[in-house]
């Protein structure tokens, strides 16, 4: 009977630990949304406009799109926080 209890505890600890690990990896691996945007008008552009130096766009992180324009994000990726455990998830622009 003692052997059965030990195995049950080990299995429970293993499964519980794997759940915590999965949640941690998911939260830490989150990247903010990224869109190619015109630097002046903030119109959303095709990604190819940001892929090379000749394009007119620049990547914009976070925020939202309304009528083809972005708001509430930033061109600076480090200014946008996707959150995780204990984070507010707010960004600046």
PDB file of N, CA and C in Angstrom:
ATOM      1  N   UNK A   1       0.808  -1.189   0.000  1.00  0.00           N
ATOM      2  CA  UNK A   1       0.000   0.000   0.000  1.00  0.00           C
ATOM      3  C   UNK A   1       0.859   1.264   0.000  1.00  0.00           C
ATOM      4  N   UNK A   2       1.951   1.251   0.732  1.00  0.00           N
ATOM      5  CA  UNK A   2       2.838   2.415   0.772  1.00  0.00           C
ATOM      6  C   UNK A   2       3.452   2.677  -0.599  1.00  0.00           C
ATOM      7  N   UNK A   3       3.726   1.625  -1.359  1.00  0.00           N
ATOM      8  CA  UNK A   3       4.305   1.784  -2.690  1.00  0.00           C
ATOM      9  C   UNK A   3       3.315   2.475  -3.617  1.00  0.00           C
ATOM     10  N   UNK A   4       2.066   2.109  -3.528  1.00  0.00           N
ATOM     11  CA  UNK A   4       1.037   2.710  -4.366  1.00  0.00           C
ATOM     12  C   UNK A   4       0.913   4.214  -4.083  1.00  0.00           C
ATOM     13  N   UNK A   5       0.951   4.607  -2.817  1.00  0.00           N
ATOM     14  CA  UNK A   5       0.878   6.016  -2.470  1.00  0.00           C
ATOM     15  C   UNK A   5       2.060   6.800  -3.019  1.00  0.00           C
ATOM     16  N   UNK A   6       3.239   6.231  -2.919  1.00  0.00           N
ATOM     17  CA  UNK A   6       4.449   6.899  -3.414  1.00  0.00           C
ATOM     18  C   UNK A   6       4.349   7.135  -4.912  1.00  0.00           C
ATOM     19  N   UNK A   7       3.889   6.170  -5.657  1.00  0.00           N
ATOM     20  CA  UNK A   7       3.761   6.331  -7.110  1.00  0.00           C
ATOM     21  C   UNK A   7       2.728   7.388  -7.462  1.00  0.00           C
ATOM     22  N   UNK A   8       1.641   7.409  -6.734  1.00  0.00           N
ATOM     23  CA  UNK A   8       0.608   8.398  -6.994  1.00  0.00           C
ATOM     24  C   UNK A   8       1.158   9.806  -6.755  1.00  0.00           C
ATOM     25  N   UNK A   9       1.876  10.005  -5.672  1.00  0.00           N
ATOM     26  CA  UNK A   9       2.447  11.316  -5.392  1.00  0.00           C
ATOM     27  C   UNK A   9       3.450  11.726  -6.466  1.00  0.00           C
ATOM     28  N   UNK A  10       4.293  10.803  -6.869  1.00  0.00           N
ATOM     29  CA  UNK A  10       5.282  11.118  -7.907  1.00  0.00           C
ATOM     30  C   UNK A  10       4.601  11.530  -9.200  1.00  0.00           C
ATOM     31  N   UNK A  11       3.576  10.797  -9.592  1.00  0.00           N
ATOM     32  CA  UNK A  11       2.849  11.135 -10.816  1.00  0.00           C
ATOM     33  C   UNK A  11       2.149  12.476 -10.717  1.00  0.00           C
ATOM     34  N   UNK A  12       1.591  12.765  -9.545  1.00  0.00           N
ATOM     35  CA  UNK A  12       0.910  14.043  -9.346  1.00  0.00           C
ATOM     36  C   UNK A  12       1.899  15.198  -9.408  1.00  0.00           C
ATOM     37  N   UNK A  13       3.042  15.044  -8.756  1.00  0.00           N
ATOM     38  CA  UNK A  13       4.067  16.082  -8.775  1.00  0.00           C
ATOM     39  C   UNK A  13       4.585  16.291 -10.188  1.00  0.00           C
ATOM     40  N   UNK A  14       4.814  15.214 -10.911  1.00  0.00           N
ATOM     41  CA  UNK A  14       5.312  15.312 -12.279  1.00  0.00           C
ATOM     42  C   UNK A  14       4.323  16.045 -13.174  1.00  0.00           C
ATOM     43  N   UNK A  15       3.050  15.658 -13.104  1.00  0.00           N
ATOM     44  CA  UNK A  15       2.048  16.312 -13.945  1.00  0.00           C
ATOM     45  C   UNK A  15       1.846  17.767 -13.547  1.00  0.00           C
ATOM     46  N   UNK A  16       1.827  18.056 -12.258  1.00  0.00           N
ATOM     47  CA  UNK A  16       1.684  19.440 -11.799  1.00  0.00           C
ATOM     48  C   UNK A  16       2.859  20.298 -12.223  1.00  0.00           C
ATOM     49  N   UNK A  17       4.062  19.758 -12.119  1.00  0.00           N
ATOM     50  CA  UNK A  17       5.266  20.491 -12.535  1.00  0.00           C
ATOM     51  C   UNK A  17       5.276  20.772 -14.023  1.00  0.00           C
ATOM     52  N   UNK A  18       4.805  19.826 -14.823  1.00  0.00           N
ATOM     53  CA  UNK A  18       4.764  20.030 -16.276  1.00  0.00           C
ATOM     54  C   UNK A  18       3.768  21.125 -16.638  1.00  0.00           C
ATOM     55  N   UNK A  19       2.647  21.213 -15.915  1.00  0.00           N
ATOM     56  CA  UNK A  19       1.660  22.261 -16.167  1.00  0.00           C
ATOM     57  C   UNK A  19       2.222  23.644 -15.877  1.00  0.00           C
ATOM     58  N   UNK A  20       2.948  23.762 -14.763  1.00  0.00           N
ATOM     59  CA  UNK A  20       3.563  25.042 -14.413  1.00  0.00           C
ATOM     60  C   UNK A  20       4.607  25.426 -15.451  1.00  0.00           C
ATOM     61  N   UNK A  21       5.413  24.461 -15.874  1.00  0.00           N
ATOM     62  CA  UNK A  21       6.434  24.730 -16.892  1.00  0.00           C
ATOM     63  C   UNK A  21       5.794  25.195 -18.201  1.00  0.00           C
ATOM     64  N   UNK A  22       4.731  24.535 -18.625  1.00  0.00           N
ATOM     65  CA  UNK A  22       4.057  24.911 -19.876  1.00  0.00           C
ATOM     66  C   UNK A  22       3.484  26.330 -19.782  1.00  0.00           C
ATOM     67  N   UNK A  23       2.868  26.668 -18.662  1.00  0.00           N
ATOM     68  CA  UNK A  23       2.302  28.008 -18.489  1.00  0.00           C
ATOM     69  C   UNK A  23       3.395  29.073 -18.490  1.00  0.00           C
ATOM     70  N   UNK A  24       4.520  28.776 -17.862  1.00  0.00           N
ATOM     71  CA  UNK A  24       5.627  29.723 -17.814  1.00  0.00           C
ATOM     72  C   UNK A  24       6.210  29.959 -19.196  1.00  0.00           C
ATOM     73  N   UNK A  25       6.425  28.892 -19.946  1.00  0.00           N
ATOM     74  CA  UNK A  25       6.979  29.038 -21.289  1.00  0.00           C
ATOM     75  C   UNK A  25       6.040  29.809 -22.202  1.00  0.00           C
ATOM     76  N   UNK A  26       4.759  29.581 -22.074  1.00  0.00           N
ATOM     77  CA  UNK A  26       3.783  30.297 -22.895  1.00  0.00           C
ATOM     78  C   UNK A  26       3.795  31.784 -22.571  1.00  0.00           C
ATOM     79  N   UNK A  27       3.826  32.138 -21.302  1.00  0.00           N
ATOM     80  CA  UNK A  27       3.808  33.547 -20.911  1.00  0.00           C
ATOM     81  C   UNK A  27       5.101  34.256 -21.306  1.00  0.00           C
ATOM     82  N   UNK A  28       6.227  33.594 -21.150  1.00  0.00           N
ATOM     83  CA  UNK A  28       7.510  34.224 -21.447  1.00  0.00           C
ATOM     84  C   UNK A  28       7.778  34.324 -22.944  1.00  0.00           C
ATOM     85  N   UNK A  29       7.177  33.447 -23.736  1.00  0.00           N
ATOM     86  CA  UNK A  29       7.442  33.427 -25.156  1.00  0.00           C
ATOM     87  C   UNK A  29       6.536  34.326 -25.962  1.00  0.00           C
ATOM     88  N   UNK A  30       5.652  35.054 -25.308  1.00  0.00           N
ATOM     89  CA  UNK A  30       4.716  35.900 -26.032  1.00  0.00           C
ATOM     90  C   UNK A  30       5.431  37.089 -26.656  1.00  0.00           C
ATOM     91  N   UNK A  31       5.124  37.335 -27.882  1.00  0.00           N
ATOM     92  CA  UNK A  31       5.662  38.490 -28.605  1.00  0.00           C
ATOM     93  C   UNK A  31       4.498  39.424 -28.910  1.00  0.00           C
ATOM     94  N   UNK A  32       4.734  40.723 -28.908  1.00  0.00           N
ATOM     95  CA  UNK A  32       3.662  41.650 -29.276  1.00  0.00           C
ATOM     96  C   UNK A  32       3.315  41.512 -30.759  1.00  0.00           C
ATOM     97  N   UNK A  33       2.088  41.871 -31.110  1.00  0.00           N
ATOM     98  CA  UNK A  33       1.693  41.887 -32.521  1.00  0.00           C
ATOM     99  C   UNK A  33       2.606  42.843 -33.269  1.00  0.00           C
ATOM    100  N   UNK A  34       2.925  42.492 -34.514  1.00  0.00           N
ATOM    101  CA  UNK A  34       3.813  43.318 -35.330  1.00  0.00           C
ATOM    102  C   UNK A  34       3.163  43.543 -36.688  1.00  0.00           C
ATOM    103  N   UNK A  35       3.114  44.801 -37.096  1.00  0.00           N
ATOM    104  CA  UNK A  35       2.538  45.163 -38.392  1.00  0.00           C
ATOM    105  C   UNK A  35       3.473  46.100 -39.123  1.00  0.00           C
ATOM    106  N   UNK A  36       3.471  46.034 -40.428  1.00  0.00           N
ATOM    107  CA  UNK A  36       4.223  46.978 -41.238  1.00  0.00           C
ATOM    108  C   UNK A  36       3.347  48.213 -41.415  1.00  0.00           C
ATOM    109  N   UNK A  37       3.917  49.381 -41.102  1.00  0.00           N
ATOM    110  CA  UNK A  37       3.131  50.615 -41.062  1.00  0.00           C
ATOM    111  C   UNK A  37       3.924  51.753 -41.694  1.00  0.00           C
ATOM    112  N   UNK A  38       3.221  52.653 -42.387  1.00  0.00           N
ATOM    113  CA  UNK A  38       3.841  53.879 -42.891  1.00  0.00           C
ATOM    114  C   UNK A  38       4.232  54.743 -41.694  1.00  0.00           C
ATOM    115  N   UNK A  39       5.449  55.252 -41.711  1.00  0.00           N
ATOM    116  CA  UNK A  39       5.986  56.001 -40.562  1.00  0.00           C
ATOM    117  C   UNK A  39       5.236  57.288 -40.272  1.00  0.00           C
ATOM    118  N   UNK A  40       4.702  57.926 -41.288  1.00  0.00           N
ATOM    119  CA  UNK A  40       4.045  59.222 -41.110  1.00  0.00           C
ATOM    120  C   UNK A  40       2.533  59.070 -40.923  1.00  0.00           C
ATOM    121  N   UNK A  41       1.888  58.392 -41.868  1.00  0.00           N
ATOM    122  CA  UNK A  41       0.427  58.296 -41.834  1.00  0.00           C
ATOM    123  C   UNK A  41      -0.098  57.213 -40.903  1.00  0.00           C
ATOM    124  N   UNK A  42       0.758  56.267 -40.533  1.00  0.00           N
ATOM    125  CA  UNK A  42       0.408  55.097 -39.708  1.00  0.00           C
ATOM    126  C   UNK A  42      -0.605  54.175 -40.395  1.00  0.00           C
ATOM    127  N   UNK A  43      -0.622  54.222 -41.737  1.00  0.00           N
ATOM    128  CA  UNK A  43      -1.428  53.278 -42.510  1.00  0.00           C
ATOM    129  C   UNK A  43      -0.741  51.919 -42.493  1.00  0.00           C
ATOM    130  N   UNK A  44      -1.528  50.847 -42.397  1.00  0.00           N
ATOM    131  CA  UNK A  44      -0.976  49.501 -42.456  1.00  0.00           C
ATOM    132  C   UNK A  44      -0.568  49.201 -43.895  1.00  0.00           C
ATOM    133  N   UNK A  45       0.636  48.660 -44.072  1.00  0.00           N
ATOM    134  CA  UNK A  45       1.211  48.351 -45.388  1.00  0.00           C
ATOM    135  C   UNK A  45       1.479  46.853 -45.499  1.00  0.00           C
ATOM    136  N   UNK A  46       1.678  46.355 -46.724  1.00  0.00           N
ATOM    137  CA  UNK A  46       2.092  44.958 -46.894  1.00  0.00           C
ATOM    138  C   UNK A  46       3.469  44.740 -46.246  1.00  0.00           C
ATOM    139  N   UNK A  47       3.710  43.556 -45.701  1.00  0.00           N
ATOM    140  CA  UNK A  47       4.978  43.252 -45.031  1.00  0.00           C
ATOM    141  C   UNK A  47       6.198  43.509 -45.905  1.00  0.00           C
ATOM    142  N   UNK A  48       6.061  43.359 -47.205  1.00  0.00           N
ATOM    143  CA  UNK A  48       7.224  43.550 -48.083  1.00  0.00           C
ATOM    144  C   UNK A  48       7.773  44.977 -47.998  1.00  0.00           C
ATOM    145  N   UNK A  49       6.938  45.937 -47.564  1.00  0.00           N
ATOM    146  CA  UNK A  49       7.389  47.324 -47.415  1.00  0.00           C
ATOM    147  C   UNK A  49       8.327  47.498 -46.211  1.00  0.00           C
ATOM    148  N   UNK A  50       8.375  46.507 -45.338  1.00  0.00           N
ATOM    149  CA  UNK A  50       9.256  46.560 -44.165  1.00  0.00           C
ATOM    150  C   UNK A  50      10.414  45.577 -44.264  1.00  0.00           C
ATOM    151  N   UNK A  51      10.394  44.715 -45.267  1.00  0.00           N
ATOM    152  CA  UNK A  51      11.380  43.640 -45.345  1.00  0.00           C
ATOM    153  C   UNK A  51      12.755  44.079 -45.824  1.00  0.00           C
ATOM    154  N   UNK A  52      12.864  45.195 -46.505  1.00  0.00           N
ATOM    155  CA  UNK A  52      14.183  45.645 -46.954  1.00  0.00           C
ATOM    156  C   UNK A  52      14.338  47.151 -46.733  1.00  0.00           C
ATOM    157  N   UNK A  53      15.518  47.654 -46.993  1.00  0.00           N
ATOM    158  CA  UNK A  53      15.816  49.063 -46.740  1.00  0.00           C
ATOM    159  C   UNK A  53      15.130  50.021 -47.704  1.00  0.00           C
ATOM    160  N   UNK A  54      14.633  49.516 -48.827  1.00  0.00           N
ATOM    161  CA  UNK A  54      14.007  50.397 -49.812  1.00  0.00           C
ATOM    162  C   UNK A  54      12.524  50.626 -49.538  1.00  0.00           C
ATOM    163  N   UNK A  55      11.946  49.852 -48.647  1.00  0.00           N
ATOM    164  CA  UNK A  55      10.522  49.987 -48.341  1.00  0.00           C
ATOM    165  C   UNK A  55      10.224  51.256 -47.566  1.00  0.00           C
ATOM    166  N   UNK A  56       8.975  51.666 -47.627  1.00  0.00           N
ATOM    167  CA  UNK A  56       8.567  52.894 -46.950  1.00  0.00           C
ATOM    168  C   UNK A  56       8.050  52.646 -45.539  1.00  0.00           C
ATOM    169  N   UNK A  57       7.887  51.390 -45.178  1.00  0.00           N
ATOM    170  CA  UNK A  57       7.298  51.068 -43.888  1.00  0.00           C
ATOM    171  C   UNK A  57       8.307  50.738 -42.811  1.00  0.00           C
ATOM    172  N   UNK A  58       7.772  50.666 -41.627  1.00  0.00           N
ATOM    173  CA  UNK A  58       8.554  50.290 -40.452  1.00  0.00           C
ATOM    174  C   UNK A  58       7.637  49.446 -39.576  1.00  0.00           C
ATOM    175  N   UNK A  59       8.198  48.478 -38.845  1.00  0.00           N
ATOM    176  CA  UNK A  59       7.357  47.632 -38.003  1.00  0.00           C
ATOM    177  C   UNK A  59       6.842  48.401 -36.796  1.00  0.00           C
ATOM    178  N   UNK A  60       5.549  48.183 -36.513  1.00  0.00           N
ATOM    179  CA  UNK A  60       4.837  48.821 -35.414  1.00  0.00           C
ATOM    180  C   UNK A  60       4.353  47.700 -34.511  1.00  0.00           C
ATOM    181  N   UNK A  61       4.569  47.812 -33.224  1.00  0.00           N
ATOM    182  CA  UNK A  61       4.296  46.735 -32.280  1.00  0.00           C
ATOM    183  C   UNK A  61       3.095  47.061 -31.394  1.00  0.00           C
ATOM    184  N   UNK A  62       2.266  46.038 -31.190  1.00  0.00           N
ATOM    185  CA  UNK A  62       1.102  46.178 -30.328  1.00  0.00           C
ATOM    186  C   UNK A  62       0.039  47.049 -30.953  1.00  0.00           C
ATOM    187  N   UNK A  63      -0.807  47.607 -30.117  1.00  0.00           N
ATOM    188  CA  UNK A  63      -1.855  48.502 -30.590  1.00  0.00           C
ATOM    189  C   UNK A  63      -2.989  47.770 -31.284  1.00  0.00           C
ATOM    190  N   UNK A  64      -3.759  48.541 -32.013  1.00  0.00           N
ATOM    191  CA  UNK A  64      -4.893  47.978 -32.748  1.00  0.00           C
ATOM    192  C   UNK A  64      -5.062  48.720 -34.065  1.00  0.00           C
ATOM    193  N   UNK A  65      -5.809  48.106 -34.964  1.00  0.00           N
ATOM    194  CA  UNK A  65      -6.042  48.694 -36.282  1.00  0.00           C
ATOM    195  C   UNK A  65      -7.497  49.131 -36.374  1.00  0.00           C
ATOM    196  N   UNK A  66      -7.696  50.352 -36.832  1.00  0.00           N
ATOM    197  CA  UNK A  66      -9.032  50.875 -37.057  1.00  0.00           C
ATOM    198  C   UNK A  66      -9.001  51.671 -38.359  1.00  0.00           C
ATOM    199  N   UNK A  67      -9.854  51.306 -39.299  1.00  0.00           N
ATOM    200  CA  UNK A  67      -9.915  51.967 -40.607  1.00  0.00           C
ATOM    201  C   UNK A  67      -8.558  51.992 -41.308  1.00  0.00           C
ATOM    202  N   UNK A  68      -7.787  50.896 -41.164  1.00  0.00           N
ATOM    203  CA  UNK A  68      -6.510  50.770 -41.852  1.00  0.00           C
ATOM    204  C   UNK A  68      -5.351  51.509 -41.215  1.00  0.00           C
ATOM    205  N   UNK A  69      -5.568  52.121 -40.040  1.00  0.00           N
ATOM    206  CA  UNK A  69      -4.515  52.844 -39.321  1.00  0.00           C
ATOM    207  C   UNK A  69      -4.297  52.201 -37.947  1.00  0.00           C
ATOM    208  N   UNK A  70      -3.053  52.298 -37.455  1.00  0.00           N
ATOM    209  CA  UNK A  70      -2.748  51.740 -36.141  1.00  0.00           C
ATOM    210  C   UNK A  70      -2.786  52.823 -35.064  1.00  0.00           C
ATOM    211  N   UNK A  71      -3.166  52.418 -33.861  1.00  0.00           N
ATOM    212  CA  UNK A  71      -3.154  53.299 -32.696  1.00  0.00           C
ATOM    213  C   UNK A  71      -2.749  52.490 -31.472  1.00  0.00           C
ATOM    214  N   UNK A  72      -2.352  53.182 -30.432  1.00  0.00           N
ATOM    215  CA  UNK A  72      -2.065  52.584 -29.119  1.00  0.00           C
ATOM    216  C   UNK A  72      -0.935  51.567 -29.122  1.00  0.00           C
ATOM    217  N   UNK A  73       0.049  51.715 -29.974  1.00  0.00           N
ATOM    218  CA  UNK A  73       1.216  50.849 -29.984  1.00  0.00           C
ATOM    219  C   UNK A  73       2.466  51.692 -30.062  1.00  0.00           C
ATOM    220  N   UNK A  74       3.536  51.102 -30.598  1.00  0.00           N
ATOM    221  CA  UNK A  74       4.796  51.835 -30.683  1.00  0.00           C
ATOM    222  C   UNK A  74       5.682  51.253 -31.776  1.00  0.00           C
ATOM    223  N   UNK A  75       6.518  52.096 -32.355  1.00  0.00           N
ATOM    224  CA  UNK A  75       7.535  51.612 -33.279  1.00  0.00           C
ATOM    225  C   UNK A  75       8.688  50.963 -32.502  1.00  0.00           C
ATOM    226  N   UNK A  76       8.754  51.202 -31.215  1.00  0.00           N
ATOM    227  CA  UNK A  76       9.785  50.646 -30.348  1.00  0.00           C
ATOM    228  C   UNK A  76       9.251  49.383 -29.676  1.00  0.00           C
ATOM    229  N   UNK A  77       9.768  48.223 -30.081  1.00  0.00           N
ATOM    230  CA  UNK A  77       9.290  46.943 -29.564  1.00  0.00           C
ATOM    231  C   UNK A  77       9.416  46.861 -28.048  1.00  0.00           C
ATOM    232  N   UNK A  78      10.490  47.399 -27.494  1.00  0.00           N
ATOM    233  CA  UNK A  78      10.704  47.293 -26.049  1.00  0.00           C
ATOM    234  C   UNK A  78       9.704  48.135 -25.254  1.00  0.00           C
ATOM    235  N   UNK A  79       9.018  49.055 -25.901  1.00  0.00           N
ATOM    236  CA  UNK A  79       8.035  49.888 -25.208  1.00  0.00           C
ATOM    237  C   UNK A  79       6.695  49.180 -25.057  1.00  0.00           C
ATOM    238  N   UNK A  80       6.524  48.057 -25.740  1.00  0.00           N
ATOM    239  CA  UNK A  80       5.265  47.328 -25.706  1.00  0.00           C
ATOM    240  C   UNK A  80       5.462  46.055 -24.890  1.00  0.00           C
ATOM    241  N   UNK A  81       4.706  45.910 -23.839  1.00  0.00           N
ATOM    242  CA  UNK A  81       4.808  44.762 -22.945  1.00  0.00           C
ATOM    243  C   UNK A  81       3.597  43.870 -23.142  1.00  0.00           C
ATOM    244  N   UNK A  82       3.833  42.622 -23.555  1.00  0.00           N
ATOM    245  CA  UNK A  82       2.742  41.677 -23.747  1.00  0.00           C
ATOM    246  C   UNK A  82       2.220  41.130 -22.432  1.00  0.00           C
ATOM    247  N   UNK A  83       2.954  41.300 -21.384  1.00  0.00           N
ATOM    248  CA  UNK A  83       2.487  40.809 -20.089  1.00  0.00           C
ATOM    249  C   UNK A  83       3.085  39.475 -19.739  1.00  0.00           C
ATOM    250  N   UNK A  84       2.385  38.729 -18.933  1.00  0.00           N
ATOM    251  CA  UNK A  84       2.864  37.503 -18.324  1.00  0.00           C
ATOM    252  C   UNK A  84       2.360  37.514 -16.905  1.00  0.00           C
ATOM    253  N   UNK A  85       2.998  36.788 -16.019  1.00  0.00           N
ATOM    254  CA  UNK A  85       2.572  36.762 -14.634  1.00  0.00           C
ATOM    255  C   UNK A  85       2.858  38.100 -13.974  1.00  0.00           C
ATOM    256  N   UNK A  86       1.838  38.741 -13.443  1.00  0.00           N
ATOM    257  CA  UNK A  86       2.007  39.975 -12.695  1.00  0.00           C
ATOM    258  C   UNK A  86       2.217  41.215 -13.521  1.00  0.00           C
ATOM    259  N   UNK A  87       1.969  41.188 -14.813  1.00  0.00           N
ATOM    260  CA  UNK A  87       2.163  42.362 -15.653  1.00  0.00           C
ATOM    261  C   UNK A  87       0.809  42.975 -16.004  1.00  0.00           C
ATOM    262  N   UNK A  88       0.829  44.255 -16.271  1.00  0.00           N
ATOM    263  CA  UNK A  88      -0.413  44.941 -16.603  1.00  0.00           C
ATOM    264  C   UNK A  88      -0.770  44.803 -18.070  1.00  0.00           C
ATOM    265  N   UNK A  89       0.223  44.550 -18.924  1.00  0.00           N
ATOM    266  CA  UNK A  89      -0.036  44.398 -20.355  1.00  0.00           C
ATOM    267  C   UNK A  89      -0.223  45.702 -21.099  1.00  0.00           C
ATOM    268  N   UNK A  90       0.114  46.820 -20.486  1.00  0.00           N
ATOM    269  CA  UNK A  90      -0.087  48.101 -21.161  1.00  0.00           C
ATOM    270  C   UNK A  90       1.151  48.478 -21.955  1.00  0.00           C
ATOM    271  N   UNK A  91       0.964  49.269 -22.970  1.00  0.00           N
ATOM    272  CA  UNK A  91       2.075  49.735 -23.807  1.00  0.00           C
ATOM    273  C   UNK A  91       1.994  51.220 -24.008  1.00  0.00           C
ATOM    274  N   UNK A  92       3.036  51.763 -24.583  1.00  0.00           N
ATOM    275  CA  UNK A  92       3.044  53.204 -24.813  1.00  0.00           C
ATOM    276  C   UNK A  92       3.294  53.529 -26.265  1.00  0.00           C
ATOM    277  N   UNK A  93       3.050  54.725 -26.665  1.00  0.00           N
ATOM    278  CA  UNK A  93       3.216  55.082 -28.060  1.00  0.00           C
ATOM    279  C   UNK A  93       3.848  56.346 -28.197  1.00  0.00           C
TER     280      UNK A  93
END
